[in-house]
Amino acid sequence: MKKRILSIAAPVSALALFSAAAFAGLAAALGWREALALTLLADLCGAACMAIRILWHRPEYAAFLKYMLIGVATTAVNYVCYWLLAHPLRQALGIEPSHTAWVAFSTAVSWLAAVVFSFFPNKTYAFGSHDWSRQTLVREGRTFFLSRLLTFAFDLVFMMVAVPLGMHDMLAKILSNIVVVIGNFVTSKLIFLKKPGRQRAS
């Protein structure tokens, strides 16, 4: 217990000393408000890194942390695919930027690319499912796609309802994404959950 407390106290103390030194240096150059904001931001990043390091070795949290890392990569795939379709390809085809059907097409294709990309790392890395039999792949793939389709529909409906009612679109997107992330994590855990008698493929 003492060893565990020391392993946490040491980096926390180092972070506190670093923060004090950084604040003093930044305050002299930028002013105390800007220095405080930057120092707090750095502290949050440092605290997040320490929390991840501690929780990574605890099975009950490791799956969620891995899921979040995959989520960052999946979001990048979504954004890059959307940008390629909505900008270079659209311009090459001579389509207007405000073309609603093309925006919808770009959104749908980028979402599909992100879902396909996220399936395999979620299956193996985040949730430890290594059964590669055809029956298991079809079952997991079907339920994974349908669960993502449901959260995509929720996201779409929520945005279409919340924004016309006066909610800021970015706030609506944040609130919707919170529900989507939680929903996707729960359904992924259910989909890839190891059932009794299931054999891992070697």
N, C-alpha and C. Protein backbone atom coordinates (compact mmCIF):
# COMPACT_ATOMS: atom_id res chain seq x y z
N MET A 1 0.83 -1.20 0.00
CA MET A 1 0.00 0.00 0.00
C MET A 1 0.87 1.26 0.00
N LYS A 2 1.92 1.26 0.86
CA LYS A 2 2.81 2.42 0.92
C LYS A 2 3.54 2.62 -0.40
N LYS A 3 3.93 1.50 -1.01
CA LYS A 3 4.62 1.57 -2.29
C LYS A 3 3.72 2.17 -3.36
N ARG A 4 2.44 1.79 -3.30
CA ARG A 4 1.48 2.31 -4.28
C ARG A 4 1.26 3.81 -4.09
N ILE A 5 1.17 4.23 -2.81
CA ILE A 5 0.99 5.66 -2.51
C ILE A 5 2.20 6.46 -3.00
N LEU A 6 3.40 5.92 -2.76
CA LEU A 6 4.62 6.60 -3.20
C LEU A 6 4.70 6.70 -4.72
N SER A 7 4.23 5.63 -5.40
CA SER A 7 4.28 5.64 -6.87
C SER A 7 3.36 6.70 -7.46
N ILE A 8 2.31 7.07 -6.71
CA ILE A 8 1.40 8.13 -7.15
C ILE A 8 1.89 9.50 -6.68
N ALA A 9 2.38 9.55 -5.43
CA ALA A 9 2.79 10.83 -4.84
C ALA A 9 3.99 11.43 -5.56
N ALA A 10 4.92 10.59 -5.99
CA ALA A 10 6.14 11.10 -6.63
C ALA A 10 5.84 11.88 -7.92
N PRO A 11 5.09 11.30 -8.88
CA PRO A 11 4.80 12.07 -10.09
C PRO A 11 3.90 13.27 -9.84
N VAL A 12 2.99 13.17 -8.86
CA VAL A 12 2.13 14.31 -8.53
C VAL A 12 2.96 15.46 -7.98
N SER A 13 3.92 15.16 -7.12
CA SER A 13 4.80 16.19 -6.57
C SER A 13 5.65 16.82 -7.66
N ALA A 14 6.15 15.99 -8.56
CA ALA A 14 6.96 16.51 -9.68
C ALA A 14 6.13 17.41 -10.57
N LEU A 15 4.87 17.01 -10.82
CA LEU A 15 3.97 17.83 -11.63
C LEU A 15 3.69 19.16 -10.96
N ALA A 16 3.49 19.15 -9.64
CA ALA A 16 3.22 20.38 -8.90
C ALA A 16 4.40 21.34 -8.96
N LEU A 17 5.62 20.81 -8.78
CA LEU A 17 6.82 21.64 -8.85
C LEU A 17 7.02 22.21 -10.25
N PHE A 18 6.79 21.37 -11.26
CA PHE A 18 6.92 21.83 -12.64
C PHE A 18 5.89 22.92 -12.94
N SER A 19 4.66 22.74 -12.45
CA SER A 19 3.60 23.72 -12.68
C SER A 19 3.94 25.06 -12.05
N ALA A 20 4.47 25.03 -10.83
CA ALA A 20 4.84 26.27 -10.15
C ALA A 20 5.94 27.01 -10.91
N ALA A 21 6.93 26.25 -11.37
CA ALA A 21 8.03 26.87 -12.12
C ALA A 21 7.54 27.41 -13.47
N ALA A 22 6.69 26.62 -14.14
CA ALA A 22 6.16 27.05 -15.44
C ALA A 22 5.29 28.29 -15.29
N PHE A 23 4.46 28.32 -14.23
CA PHE A 23 3.60 29.48 -14.00
C PHE A 23 4.43 30.74 -13.76
N ALA A 24 5.48 30.61 -12.97
CA ALA A 24 6.34 31.77 -12.68
C ALA A 24 6.99 32.30 -13.95
N GLY A 25 7.48 31.39 -14.78
CA GLY A 25 8.12 31.81 -16.02
C GLY A 25 7.15 32.42 -17.01
N LEU A 26 5.98 31.79 -17.16
CA LEU A 26 4.98 32.29 -18.11
C LEU A 26 4.37 33.60 -17.64
N ALA A 27 4.18 33.74 -16.32
CA ALA A 27 3.58 34.97 -15.79
C ALA A 27 4.46 36.17 -16.08
N ALA A 28 5.77 35.98 -16.03
CA ALA A 28 6.69 37.08 -16.31
C ALA A 28 6.64 37.49 -17.78
N ALA A 29 6.35 36.52 -18.66
CA ALA A 29 6.35 36.81 -20.09
C ALA A 29 4.98 37.17 -20.64
N LEU A 30 3.93 36.54 -20.13
CA LEU A 30 2.60 36.71 -20.71
C LEU A 30 1.58 37.40 -19.82
N GLY A 31 1.82 37.43 -18.52
CA GLY A 31 0.80 37.91 -17.60
C GLY A 31 0.20 36.73 -16.86
N TRP A 32 -0.35 36.98 -15.68
CA TRP A 32 -0.77 35.87 -14.82
C TRP A 32 -1.98 35.12 -15.35
N ARG A 33 -2.91 35.80 -16.04
CA ARG A 33 -4.10 35.11 -16.54
C ARG A 33 -3.75 34.09 -17.62
N GLU A 34 -2.98 34.53 -18.61
CA GLU A 34 -2.56 33.61 -19.66
C GLU A 34 -1.70 32.48 -19.10
N ALA A 35 -0.82 32.85 -18.16
CA ALA A 35 0.05 31.84 -17.53
C ALA A 35 -0.77 30.81 -16.77
N LEU A 36 -1.79 31.28 -16.05
CA LEU A 36 -2.65 30.36 -15.29
C LEU A 36 -3.40 29.42 -16.22
N ALA A 37 -3.94 29.97 -17.33
CA ALA A 37 -4.69 29.14 -18.28
C ALA A 37 -3.79 28.07 -18.89
N LEU A 38 -2.59 28.46 -19.33
CA LEU A 38 -1.67 27.50 -19.94
C LEU A 38 -1.19 26.46 -18.94
N THR A 39 -0.93 26.90 -17.71
CA THR A 39 -0.47 25.97 -16.68
C THR A 39 -1.55 24.96 -16.32
N LEU A 40 -2.79 25.43 -16.20
CA LEU A 40 -3.90 24.52 -15.90
C LEU A 40 -4.11 23.51 -17.02
N LEU A 41 -3.98 23.99 -18.27
CA LEU A 41 -4.12 23.09 -19.41
C LEU A 41 -3.04 22.01 -19.38
N ALA A 42 -1.81 22.43 -19.11
CA ALA A 42 -0.70 21.46 -19.01
C ALA A 42 -0.92 20.49 -17.86
N ASP A 43 -1.44 21.01 -16.73
CA ASP A 43 -1.71 20.14 -15.58
C ASP A 43 -2.77 19.10 -15.91
N LEU A 44 -3.80 19.52 -16.63
CA LEU A 44 -4.86 18.58 -17.01
C LEU A 44 -4.31 17.48 -17.91
N CYS A 45 -3.47 17.87 -18.87
CA CYS A 45 -2.86 16.88 -19.76
C CYS A 45 -1.98 15.91 -18.97
N GLY A 46 -1.19 16.46 -18.05
CA GLY A 46 -0.32 15.62 -17.23
C GLY A 46 -1.11 14.68 -16.34
N ALA A 47 -2.18 15.21 -15.72
CA ALA A 47 -3.02 14.38 -14.86
C ALA A 47 -3.70 13.28 -15.66
N ALA A 48 -4.14 13.62 -16.88
CA ALA A 48 -4.78 12.62 -17.73
C ALA A 48 -3.80 11.50 -18.09
N CYS A 49 -2.57 11.87 -18.40
CA CYS A 49 -1.55 10.86 -18.74
C CYS A 49 -1.26 9.95 -17.55
N MET A 50 -1.18 10.53 -16.34
CA MET A 50 -0.92 9.73 -15.15
C MET A 50 -2.10 8.79 -14.86
N ALA A 51 -3.32 9.32 -15.04
CA ALA A 51 -4.50 8.49 -14.80
C ALA A 51 -4.55 7.31 -15.77
N ILE A 52 -4.24 7.58 -17.04
CA ILE A 52 -4.23 6.52 -18.04
C ILE A 52 -3.18 5.47 -17.69
N ARG A 53 -2.01 5.94 -17.26
CA ARG A 53 -0.92 5.02 -16.90
C ARG A 53 -1.33 4.11 -15.74
N ILE A 54 -2.04 4.67 -14.76
CA ILE A 54 -2.46 3.89 -13.59
C ILE A 54 -3.58 2.92 -13.96
N LEU A 55 -4.57 3.43 -14.72
CA LEU A 55 -5.75 2.62 -15.03
C LEU A 55 -5.50 1.59 -16.12
N TRP A 56 -4.45 1.80 -16.93
CA TRP A 56 -4.20 0.92 -18.07
C TRP A 56 -4.02 -0.53 -17.64
N HIS A 57 -3.47 -0.73 -16.44
CA HIS A 57 -3.18 -2.09 -15.97
C HIS A 57 -4.34 -2.69 -15.17
N ARG A 58 -5.46 -1.99 -15.13
CA ARG A 58 -6.64 -2.52 -14.44
C ARG A 58 -7.65 -2.97 -15.49
N PRO A 59 -7.96 -4.27 -15.55
CA PRO A 59 -8.80 -4.81 -16.62
C PRO A 59 -10.15 -4.12 -16.77
N GLU A 60 -10.73 -3.66 -15.65
CA GLU A 60 -12.05 -3.05 -15.73
C GLU A 60 -12.04 -1.70 -16.44
N TYR A 61 -10.85 -1.08 -16.54
CA TYR A 61 -10.73 0.21 -17.22
C TYR A 61 -9.97 0.12 -18.54
N ALA A 62 -9.14 -0.90 -18.68
CA ALA A 62 -8.27 -1.01 -19.86
C ALA A 62 -9.06 -1.05 -21.16
N ALA A 63 -10.16 -1.81 -21.19
CA ALA A 63 -10.95 -1.93 -22.41
C ALA A 63 -11.49 -0.58 -22.85
N PHE A 64 -11.97 0.22 -21.89
CA PHE A 64 -12.53 1.53 -22.24
C PHE A 64 -11.43 2.47 -22.75
N LEU A 65 -10.25 2.43 -22.11
CA LEU A 65 -9.15 3.29 -22.56
C LEU A 65 -8.71 2.91 -23.97
N LYS A 66 -8.61 1.61 -24.23
CA LYS A 66 -8.25 1.16 -25.57
C LYS A 66 -9.32 1.55 -26.58
N TYR A 67 -10.59 1.42 -26.16
CA TYR A 67 -11.70 1.82 -27.02
C TYR A 67 -11.61 3.30 -27.38
N MET A 68 -11.25 4.15 -26.40
CA MET A 68 -11.14 5.58 -26.65
C MET A 68 -10.00 5.89 -27.61
N LEU A 69 -8.88 5.17 -27.49
CA LEU A 69 -7.76 5.37 -28.42
C LEU A 69 -8.17 5.00 -29.84
N ILE A 70 -8.88 3.88 -29.97
CA ILE A 70 -9.37 3.48 -31.28
C ILE A 70 -10.37 4.51 -31.80
N GLY A 71 -11.15 5.08 -30.88
CA GLY A 71 -12.12 6.11 -31.27
C GLY A 71 -11.47 7.33 -31.87
N VAL A 72 -10.31 7.72 -31.32
CA VAL A 72 -9.57 8.87 -31.88
C VAL A 72 -9.14 8.56 -33.31
N ALA A 73 -8.59 7.36 -33.52
CA ALA A 73 -8.16 6.96 -34.87
C ALA A 73 -9.35 6.86 -35.82
N THR A 74 -10.47 6.35 -35.31
CA THR A 74 -11.68 6.22 -36.13
C THR A 74 -12.20 7.59 -36.54
N THR A 75 -12.18 8.54 -35.61
CA THR A 75 -12.61 9.91 -35.91
C THR A 75 -11.73 10.51 -37.00
N ALA A 76 -10.42 10.25 -36.92
CA ALA A 76 -9.50 10.75 -37.94
C ALA A 76 -9.84 10.17 -39.32
N VAL A 77 -10.14 8.87 -39.37
CA VAL A 77 -10.53 8.24 -40.63
C VAL A 77 -11.80 8.89 -41.17
N ASN A 78 -12.77 9.12 -40.30
CA ASN A 78 -14.03 9.75 -40.68
C ASN A 78 -13.79 11.13 -41.28
N TYR A 79 -12.99 11.95 -40.58
CA TYR A 79 -12.75 13.32 -41.03
C TYR A 79 -11.97 13.36 -42.34
N VAL A 80 -10.94 12.52 -42.46
CA VAL A 80 -10.13 12.51 -43.68
C VAL A 80 -10.95 12.07 -44.88
N CYS A 81 -11.74 11.00 -44.72
CA CYS A 81 -12.60 10.52 -45.81
C CYS A 81 -13.61 11.59 -46.22
N TYR A 82 -14.20 12.24 -45.22
CA TYR A 82 -15.18 13.29 -45.52
C TYR A 82 -14.52 14.43 -46.28
N TRP A 83 -13.34 14.84 -45.83
CA TRP A 83 -12.65 15.96 -46.48
C TRP A 83 -12.30 15.61 -47.93
N LEU A 84 -11.82 14.39 -48.17
CA LEU A 84 -11.46 13.98 -49.53
C LEU A 84 -12.67 14.01 -50.46
N LEU A 85 -13.81 13.56 -49.94
CA LEU A 85 -15.02 13.53 -50.76
C LEU A 85 -15.65 14.90 -50.91
N ALA A 86 -15.70 15.66 -49.82
CA ALA A 86 -16.42 16.94 -49.81
C ALA A 86 -15.62 18.09 -50.40
N HIS A 87 -14.31 17.89 -50.60
CA HIS A 87 -13.50 19.00 -51.12
C HIS A 87 -12.78 18.63 -52.43
N PRO A 88 -11.68 17.87 -52.41
CA PRO A 88 -11.00 17.60 -53.69
C PRO A 88 -11.88 16.91 -54.74
N LEU A 89 -12.58 15.84 -54.35
CA LEU A 89 -13.41 15.12 -55.31
C LEU A 89 -14.58 15.96 -55.78
N ARG A 90 -15.22 16.67 -54.86
CA ARG A 90 -16.35 17.53 -55.24
C ARG A 90 -15.91 18.61 -56.22
N GLN A 91 -14.76 19.22 -55.96
CA GLN A 91 -14.24 20.26 -56.85
C GLN A 91 -13.89 19.68 -58.22
N ALA A 92 -13.32 18.48 -58.22
CA ALA A 92 -12.96 17.84 -59.49
C ALA A 92 -14.19 17.53 -60.33
N LEU A 93 -15.31 17.23 -59.66
CA LEU A 93 -16.55 16.92 -60.37
C LEU A 93 -17.37 18.17 -60.68
N GLY A 94 -16.94 19.33 -60.16
CA GLY A 94 -17.65 20.58 -60.42
C GLY A 94 -18.96 20.71 -59.67
N ILE A 95 -19.05 20.11 -58.50
CA ILE A 95 -20.28 20.16 -57.70
C ILE A 95 -20.21 21.33 -56.73
N GLU A 96 -21.32 22.03 -56.55
CA GLU A 96 -21.38 23.18 -55.65
C GLU A 96 -21.18 22.76 -54.20
N PRO A 97 -20.52 23.61 -53.39
CA PRO A 97 -20.30 23.27 -51.97
C PRO A 97 -21.58 23.07 -51.18
N SER A 98 -22.65 23.78 -51.58
CA SER A 98 -23.91 23.70 -50.83
C SER A 98 -24.81 22.56 -51.30
N HIS A 99 -24.31 21.70 -52.16
CA HIS A 99 -25.11 20.59 -52.69
C HIS A 99 -25.44 19.62 -51.56
N THR A 100 -26.70 19.63 -51.10
CA THR A 100 -27.10 18.84 -49.93
C THR A 100 -26.90 17.35 -50.13
N ALA A 101 -27.24 16.86 -51.31
CA ALA A 101 -27.12 15.42 -51.58
C ALA A 101 -25.66 14.98 -51.51
N TRP A 102 -24.74 15.81 -51.99
CA TRP A 102 -23.33 15.44 -51.95
C TRP A 102 -22.79 15.46 -50.52
N VAL A 103 -23.26 16.42 -49.73
CA VAL A 103 -22.87 16.47 -48.31
C VAL A 103 -23.35 15.20 -47.61
N ALA A 104 -24.59 14.79 -47.88
CA ALA A 104 -25.14 13.58 -47.28
C ALA A 104 -24.36 12.35 -47.74
N PHE A 105 -24.03 12.30 -49.04
CA PHE A 105 -23.25 11.18 -49.58
C PHE A 105 -21.87 11.11 -48.92
N SER A 106 -21.20 12.25 -48.80
CA SER A 106 -19.87 12.30 -48.19
C SER A 106 -19.92 11.87 -46.73
N THR A 107 -20.97 12.32 -46.03
CA THR A 107 -21.14 11.96 -44.62
C THR A 107 -21.35 10.46 -44.46
N ALA A 108 -22.21 9.89 -45.31
CA ALA A 108 -22.52 8.46 -45.22
C ALA A 108 -21.30 7.59 -45.55
N VAL A 109 -20.57 7.95 -46.60
CA VAL A 109 -19.40 7.15 -47.00
C VAL A 109 -18.30 7.23 -45.95
N SER A 110 -18.07 8.42 -45.41
CA SER A 110 -17.03 8.57 -44.38
C SER A 110 -17.41 7.82 -43.11
N TRP A 111 -18.71 7.82 -42.78
CA TRP A 111 -19.18 7.05 -41.62
C TRP A 111 -18.96 5.57 -41.84
N LEU A 112 -19.29 5.07 -43.04
CA LEU A 112 -19.12 3.65 -43.35
C LEU A 112 -17.65 3.25 -43.29
N ALA A 113 -16.77 4.10 -43.83
CA ALA A 113 -15.33 3.82 -43.78
C ALA A 113 -14.84 3.74 -42.34
N ALA A 114 -15.35 4.63 -41.49
CA ALA A 114 -14.94 4.64 -40.08
C ALA A 114 -15.43 3.38 -39.36
N VAL A 115 -16.64 2.94 -39.67
CA VAL A 115 -17.19 1.73 -39.04
C VAL A 115 -16.38 0.50 -39.43
N VAL A 116 -16.08 0.37 -40.72
CA VAL A 116 -15.29 -0.77 -41.20
C VAL A 116 -13.90 -0.75 -40.56
N PHE A 117 -13.29 0.44 -40.50
CA PHE A 117 -11.96 0.57 -39.89
C PHE A 117 -11.97 0.17 -38.42
N SER A 118 -13.00 0.59 -37.69
CA SER A 118 -13.00 0.39 -36.23
C SER A 118 -13.35 -1.03 -35.81
N PHE A 119 -13.94 -1.81 -36.71
CA PHE A 119 -14.39 -3.15 -36.32
C PHE A 119 -13.23 -4.04 -35.84
N PHE A 120 -12.17 -4.15 -36.61
CA PHE A 120 -11.09 -5.10 -36.29
C PHE A 120 -10.29 -4.71 -35.06
N PRO A 121 -9.86 -3.44 -34.91
CA PRO A 121 -9.15 -3.11 -33.66
C PRO A 121 -10.03 -3.20 -32.42
N ASN A 122 -11.32 -2.88 -32.55
CA ASN A 122 -12.22 -3.04 -31.41
C ASN A 122 -12.37 -4.50 -31.04
N LYS A 123 -12.49 -5.35 -32.04
CA LYS A 123 -12.67 -6.79 -31.81
C LYS A 123 -11.46 -7.39 -31.10
N THR A 124 -10.27 -7.10 -31.60
CA THR A 124 -9.07 -7.77 -31.09
C THR A 124 -8.37 -7.00 -29.98
N TYR A 125 -8.11 -5.71 -30.21
CA TYR A 125 -7.29 -4.93 -29.28
C TYR A 125 -8.06 -4.49 -28.05
N ALA A 126 -9.26 -3.94 -28.26
CA ALA A 126 -10.01 -3.39 -27.12
C ALA A 126 -10.71 -4.47 -26.30
N PHE A 127 -11.33 -5.43 -26.98
CA PHE A 127 -12.18 -6.38 -26.26
C PHE A 127 -11.68 -7.82 -26.30
N GLY A 128 -10.54 -8.06 -26.95
CA GLY A 128 -9.88 -9.37 -26.86
C GLY A 128 -10.64 -10.53 -27.46
N SER A 129 -11.39 -10.28 -28.54
CA SER A 129 -12.08 -11.38 -29.22
C SER A 129 -11.19 -11.87 -30.36
N HIS A 130 -10.76 -13.14 -30.30
CA HIS A 130 -9.83 -13.67 -31.31
C HIS A 130 -10.41 -14.88 -32.04
N ASP A 131 -11.71 -15.00 -32.03
CA ASP A 131 -12.37 -16.08 -32.76
C ASP A 131 -12.59 -15.61 -34.20
N TRP A 132 -11.87 -16.22 -35.15
CA TRP A 132 -11.93 -15.79 -36.55
C TRP A 132 -12.74 -16.75 -37.42
N SER A 133 -13.57 -17.57 -36.80
CA SER A 133 -14.42 -18.46 -37.60
C SER A 133 -15.43 -17.62 -38.38
N ARG A 134 -15.86 -18.16 -39.52
CA ARG A 134 -16.76 -17.42 -40.39
C ARG A 134 -18.06 -17.07 -39.68
N GLN A 135 -18.60 -18.02 -38.91
CA GLN A 135 -19.85 -17.80 -38.21
C GLN A 135 -19.73 -16.65 -37.20
N THR A 136 -18.63 -16.63 -36.46
CA THR A 136 -18.42 -15.57 -35.47
C THR A 136 -18.22 -14.22 -36.14
N LEU A 137 -17.44 -14.19 -37.23
CA LEU A 137 -17.20 -12.93 -37.93
C LEU A 137 -18.49 -12.35 -38.49
N VAL A 138 -19.34 -13.21 -39.06
CA VAL A 138 -20.62 -12.74 -39.60
C VAL A 138 -21.50 -12.20 -38.49
N ARG A 139 -21.58 -12.95 -37.38
CA ARG A 139 -22.42 -12.51 -36.26
C ARG A 139 -21.93 -11.20 -35.67
N GLU A 140 -20.62 -11.13 -35.39
CA GLU A 140 -20.07 -9.91 -34.79
C GLU A 140 -20.15 -8.73 -35.76
N GLY A 141 -19.83 -8.99 -37.03
CA GLY A 141 -19.87 -7.91 -38.01
C GLY A 141 -21.27 -7.36 -38.20
N ARG A 142 -22.26 -8.25 -38.26
CA ARG A 142 -23.64 -7.81 -38.45
C ARG A 142 -24.13 -6.98 -37.28
N THR A 143 -23.93 -7.48 -36.07
CA THR A 143 -24.42 -6.76 -34.89
C THR A 143 -23.63 -5.47 -34.66
N PHE A 144 -22.33 -5.49 -34.98
CA PHE A 144 -21.51 -4.28 -34.85
C PHE A 144 -22.02 -3.19 -35.79
N PHE A 145 -22.27 -3.56 -37.04
CA PHE A 145 -22.75 -2.59 -38.03
C PHE A 145 -24.13 -2.05 -37.64
N LEU A 146 -25.02 -2.93 -37.21
CA LEU A 146 -26.37 -2.50 -36.84
C LEU A 146 -26.35 -1.58 -35.61
N SER A 147 -25.48 -1.89 -34.64
CA SER A 147 -25.40 -1.03 -33.46
C SER A 147 -24.87 0.35 -33.82
N ARG A 148 -23.89 0.40 -34.73
CA ARG A 148 -23.36 1.69 -35.18
C ARG A 148 -24.40 2.45 -36.01
N LEU A 149 -25.20 1.71 -36.74
CA LEU A 149 -26.26 2.33 -37.54
C LEU A 149 -27.29 2.99 -36.63
N LEU A 150 -27.60 2.35 -35.51
CA LEU A 150 -28.56 2.92 -34.55
C LEU A 150 -28.02 4.19 -33.92
N THR A 151 -26.74 4.19 -33.52
CA THR A 151 -26.18 5.40 -32.91
C THR A 151 -26.01 6.51 -33.95
N PHE A 152 -25.74 6.13 -35.20
CA PHE A 152 -25.68 7.12 -36.28
C PHE A 152 -27.04 7.76 -36.49
N ALA A 153 -28.10 6.95 -36.45
CA ALA A 153 -29.46 7.47 -36.60
C ALA A 153 -29.81 8.40 -35.44
N PHE A 154 -29.41 8.01 -34.22
CA PHE A 154 -29.65 8.88 -33.06
C PHE A 154 -28.94 10.22 -33.24
N ASP A 155 -27.68 10.17 -33.66
CA ASP A 155 -26.90 11.39 -33.87
C ASP A 155 -27.59 12.30 -34.89
N LEU A 156 -28.03 11.71 -35.99
CA LEU A 156 -28.68 12.46 -37.05
C LEU A 156 -29.98 13.09 -36.58
N VAL A 157 -30.83 12.30 -35.92
CA VAL A 157 -32.12 12.80 -35.44
C VAL A 157 -31.93 13.87 -34.37
N PHE A 158 -31.00 13.63 -33.44
CA PHE A 158 -30.75 14.60 -32.38
C PHE A 158 -30.32 15.95 -32.96
N MET A 159 -29.42 15.92 -33.93
CA MET A 159 -28.95 17.16 -34.55
C MET A 159 -30.08 17.86 -35.30
N MET A 160 -30.91 17.10 -36.00
CA MET A 160 -32.00 17.68 -36.78
C MET A 160 -33.08 18.29 -35.89
N VAL A 161 -33.20 17.78 -34.65
CA VAL A 161 -34.20 18.31 -33.72
C VAL A 161 -33.62 19.43 -32.87
N ALA A 162 -32.42 19.23 -32.33
CA ALA A 162 -31.85 20.19 -31.37
C ALA A 162 -31.48 21.52 -32.01
N VAL A 163 -30.87 21.49 -33.19
CA VAL A 163 -30.40 22.73 -33.82
C VAL A 163 -31.57 23.64 -34.23
N PRO A 164 -32.62 23.13 -34.90
CA PRO A 164 -33.75 24.01 -35.21
C PRO A 164 -34.45 24.57 -33.98
N LEU A 165 -34.34 23.89 -32.83
CA LEU A 165 -34.96 24.39 -31.60
C LEU A 165 -34.12 25.48 -30.94
N GLY A 166 -32.96 25.79 -31.51
CA GLY A 166 -32.16 26.90 -31.00
C GLY A 166 -30.87 26.51 -30.32
N MET A 167 -30.58 25.21 -30.16
CA MET A 167 -29.32 24.81 -29.54
C MET A 167 -28.17 25.02 -30.52
N HIS A 168 -27.04 25.52 -30.01
CA HIS A 168 -25.87 25.72 -30.87
C HIS A 168 -25.44 24.37 -31.44
N ASP A 169 -25.11 24.37 -32.74
CA ASP A 169 -24.84 23.09 -33.40
C ASP A 169 -23.65 22.35 -32.79
N MET A 170 -22.60 23.09 -32.36
CA MET A 170 -21.44 22.42 -31.78
C MET A 170 -21.76 21.84 -30.40
N LEU A 171 -22.57 22.56 -29.62
CA LEU A 171 -23.00 22.03 -28.32
C LEU A 171 -23.86 20.78 -28.52
N ALA A 172 -24.76 20.84 -29.50
CA ALA A 172 -25.60 19.69 -29.80
C ALA A 172 -24.75 18.49 -30.22
N LYS A 173 -23.70 18.76 -31.01
CA LYS A 173 -22.83 17.68 -31.47
C LYS A 173 -22.08 17.05 -30.30
N ILE A 174 -21.62 17.88 -29.36
CA ILE A 174 -20.91 17.36 -28.19
C ILE A 174 -21.83 16.48 -27.36
N LEU A 175 -23.05 16.97 -27.07
CA LEU A 175 -24.01 16.20 -26.28
C LEU A 175 -24.36 14.89 -26.97
N SER A 176 -24.58 14.97 -28.28
CA SER A 176 -24.91 13.77 -29.04
C SER A 176 -23.76 12.77 -29.02
N ASN A 177 -22.54 13.28 -29.18
CA ASN A 177 -21.38 12.39 -29.22
C ASN A 177 -21.13 11.69 -27.89
N ILE A 178 -21.47 12.35 -26.78
CA ILE A 178 -21.34 11.71 -25.47
C ILE A 178 -22.21 10.46 -25.41
N VAL A 179 -23.46 10.61 -25.86
CA VAL A 179 -24.39 9.47 -25.87
C VAL A 179 -23.91 8.40 -26.85
N VAL A 180 -23.44 8.83 -28.02
CA VAL A 180 -22.98 7.89 -29.04
C VAL A 180 -21.77 7.09 -28.56
N VAL A 181 -20.80 7.77 -27.93
CA VAL A 181 -19.59 7.09 -27.45
C VAL A 181 -19.95 6.04 -26.39
N ILE A 182 -20.80 6.43 -25.43
CA ILE A 182 -21.21 5.50 -24.38
C ILE A 182 -21.99 4.33 -24.98
N GLY A 183 -22.92 4.64 -25.88
CA GLY A 183 -23.72 3.59 -26.52
C GLY A 183 -22.87 2.63 -27.33
N ASN A 184 -21.92 3.17 -28.09
CA ASN A 184 -21.04 2.31 -28.89
C ASN A 184 -20.15 1.43 -28.02
N PHE A 185 -19.69 1.97 -26.89
CA PHE A 185 -18.84 1.17 -25.99
C PHE A 185 -19.64 0.01 -25.40
N VAL A 186 -20.84 0.30 -24.92
CA VAL A 186 -21.67 -0.74 -24.29
C VAL A 186 -22.01 -1.83 -25.31
N THR A 187 -22.44 -1.43 -26.51
CA THR A 187 -22.81 -2.43 -27.52
C THR A 187 -21.59 -3.22 -27.99
N SER A 188 -20.44 -2.56 -28.11
CA SER A 188 -19.22 -3.28 -28.52
C SER A 188 -18.84 -4.32 -27.48
N LYS A 189 -18.96 -3.95 -26.21
CA LYS A 189 -18.62 -4.89 -25.14
C LYS A 189 -19.55 -6.10 -25.18
N LEU A 190 -20.83 -5.88 -25.47
CA LEU A 190 -21.79 -6.98 -25.56
C LEU A 190 -21.51 -7.85 -26.79
N ILE A 191 -21.14 -7.21 -27.90
CA ILE A 191 -20.90 -7.94 -29.14
C ILE A 191 -19.69 -8.86 -29.02
N PHE A 192 -18.60 -8.34 -28.45
CA PHE A 192 -17.34 -9.09 -28.41
C PHE A 192 -17.12 -9.80 -27.08
N LEU A 193 -18.13 -9.78 -26.22
CA LEU A 193 -18.00 -10.44 -24.92
C LEU A 193 -17.78 -11.93 -25.10
N LYS A 194 -16.80 -12.46 -24.41
CA LYS A 194 -16.50 -13.89 -24.51
C LYS A 194 -17.58 -14.69 -23.80
N LYS A 195 -18.21 -15.57 -24.52
CA LYS A 195 -19.25 -16.42 -23.94
C LYS A 195 -18.66 -17.76 -23.51
N PRO A 196 -19.26 -18.40 -22.52
CA PRO A 196 -18.77 -19.71 -22.08
C PRO A 196 -18.74 -20.69 -23.24
N GLY A 197 -17.65 -21.41 -23.36
CA GLY A 197 -17.56 -22.41 -24.41
C GLY A 197 -16.99 -21.89 -25.71
N ARG A 198 -16.84 -20.53 -25.82
CA ARG A 198 -16.29 -20.01 -27.05
C ARG A 198 -14.79 -20.27 -27.08
N GLN A 199 -14.32 -20.81 -28.16
CA GLN A 199 -12.90 -21.16 -28.28
C GLN A 199 -12.17 -20.05 -28.99
N ARG A 200 -11.00 -19.72 -28.49
CA ARG A 200 -10.16 -18.75 -29.17
C ARG A 200 -9.37 -19.44 -30.27
N ALA A 201 -9.39 -18.78 -31.42
CA ALA A 201 -8.61 -19.35 -32.52
C ALA A 201 -7.14 -19.09 -32.28
N SER A 202 -6.34 -20.10 -32.49
CA SER A 202 -4.90 -19.93 -32.26
C SER A 202 -4.26 -19.31 -33.49
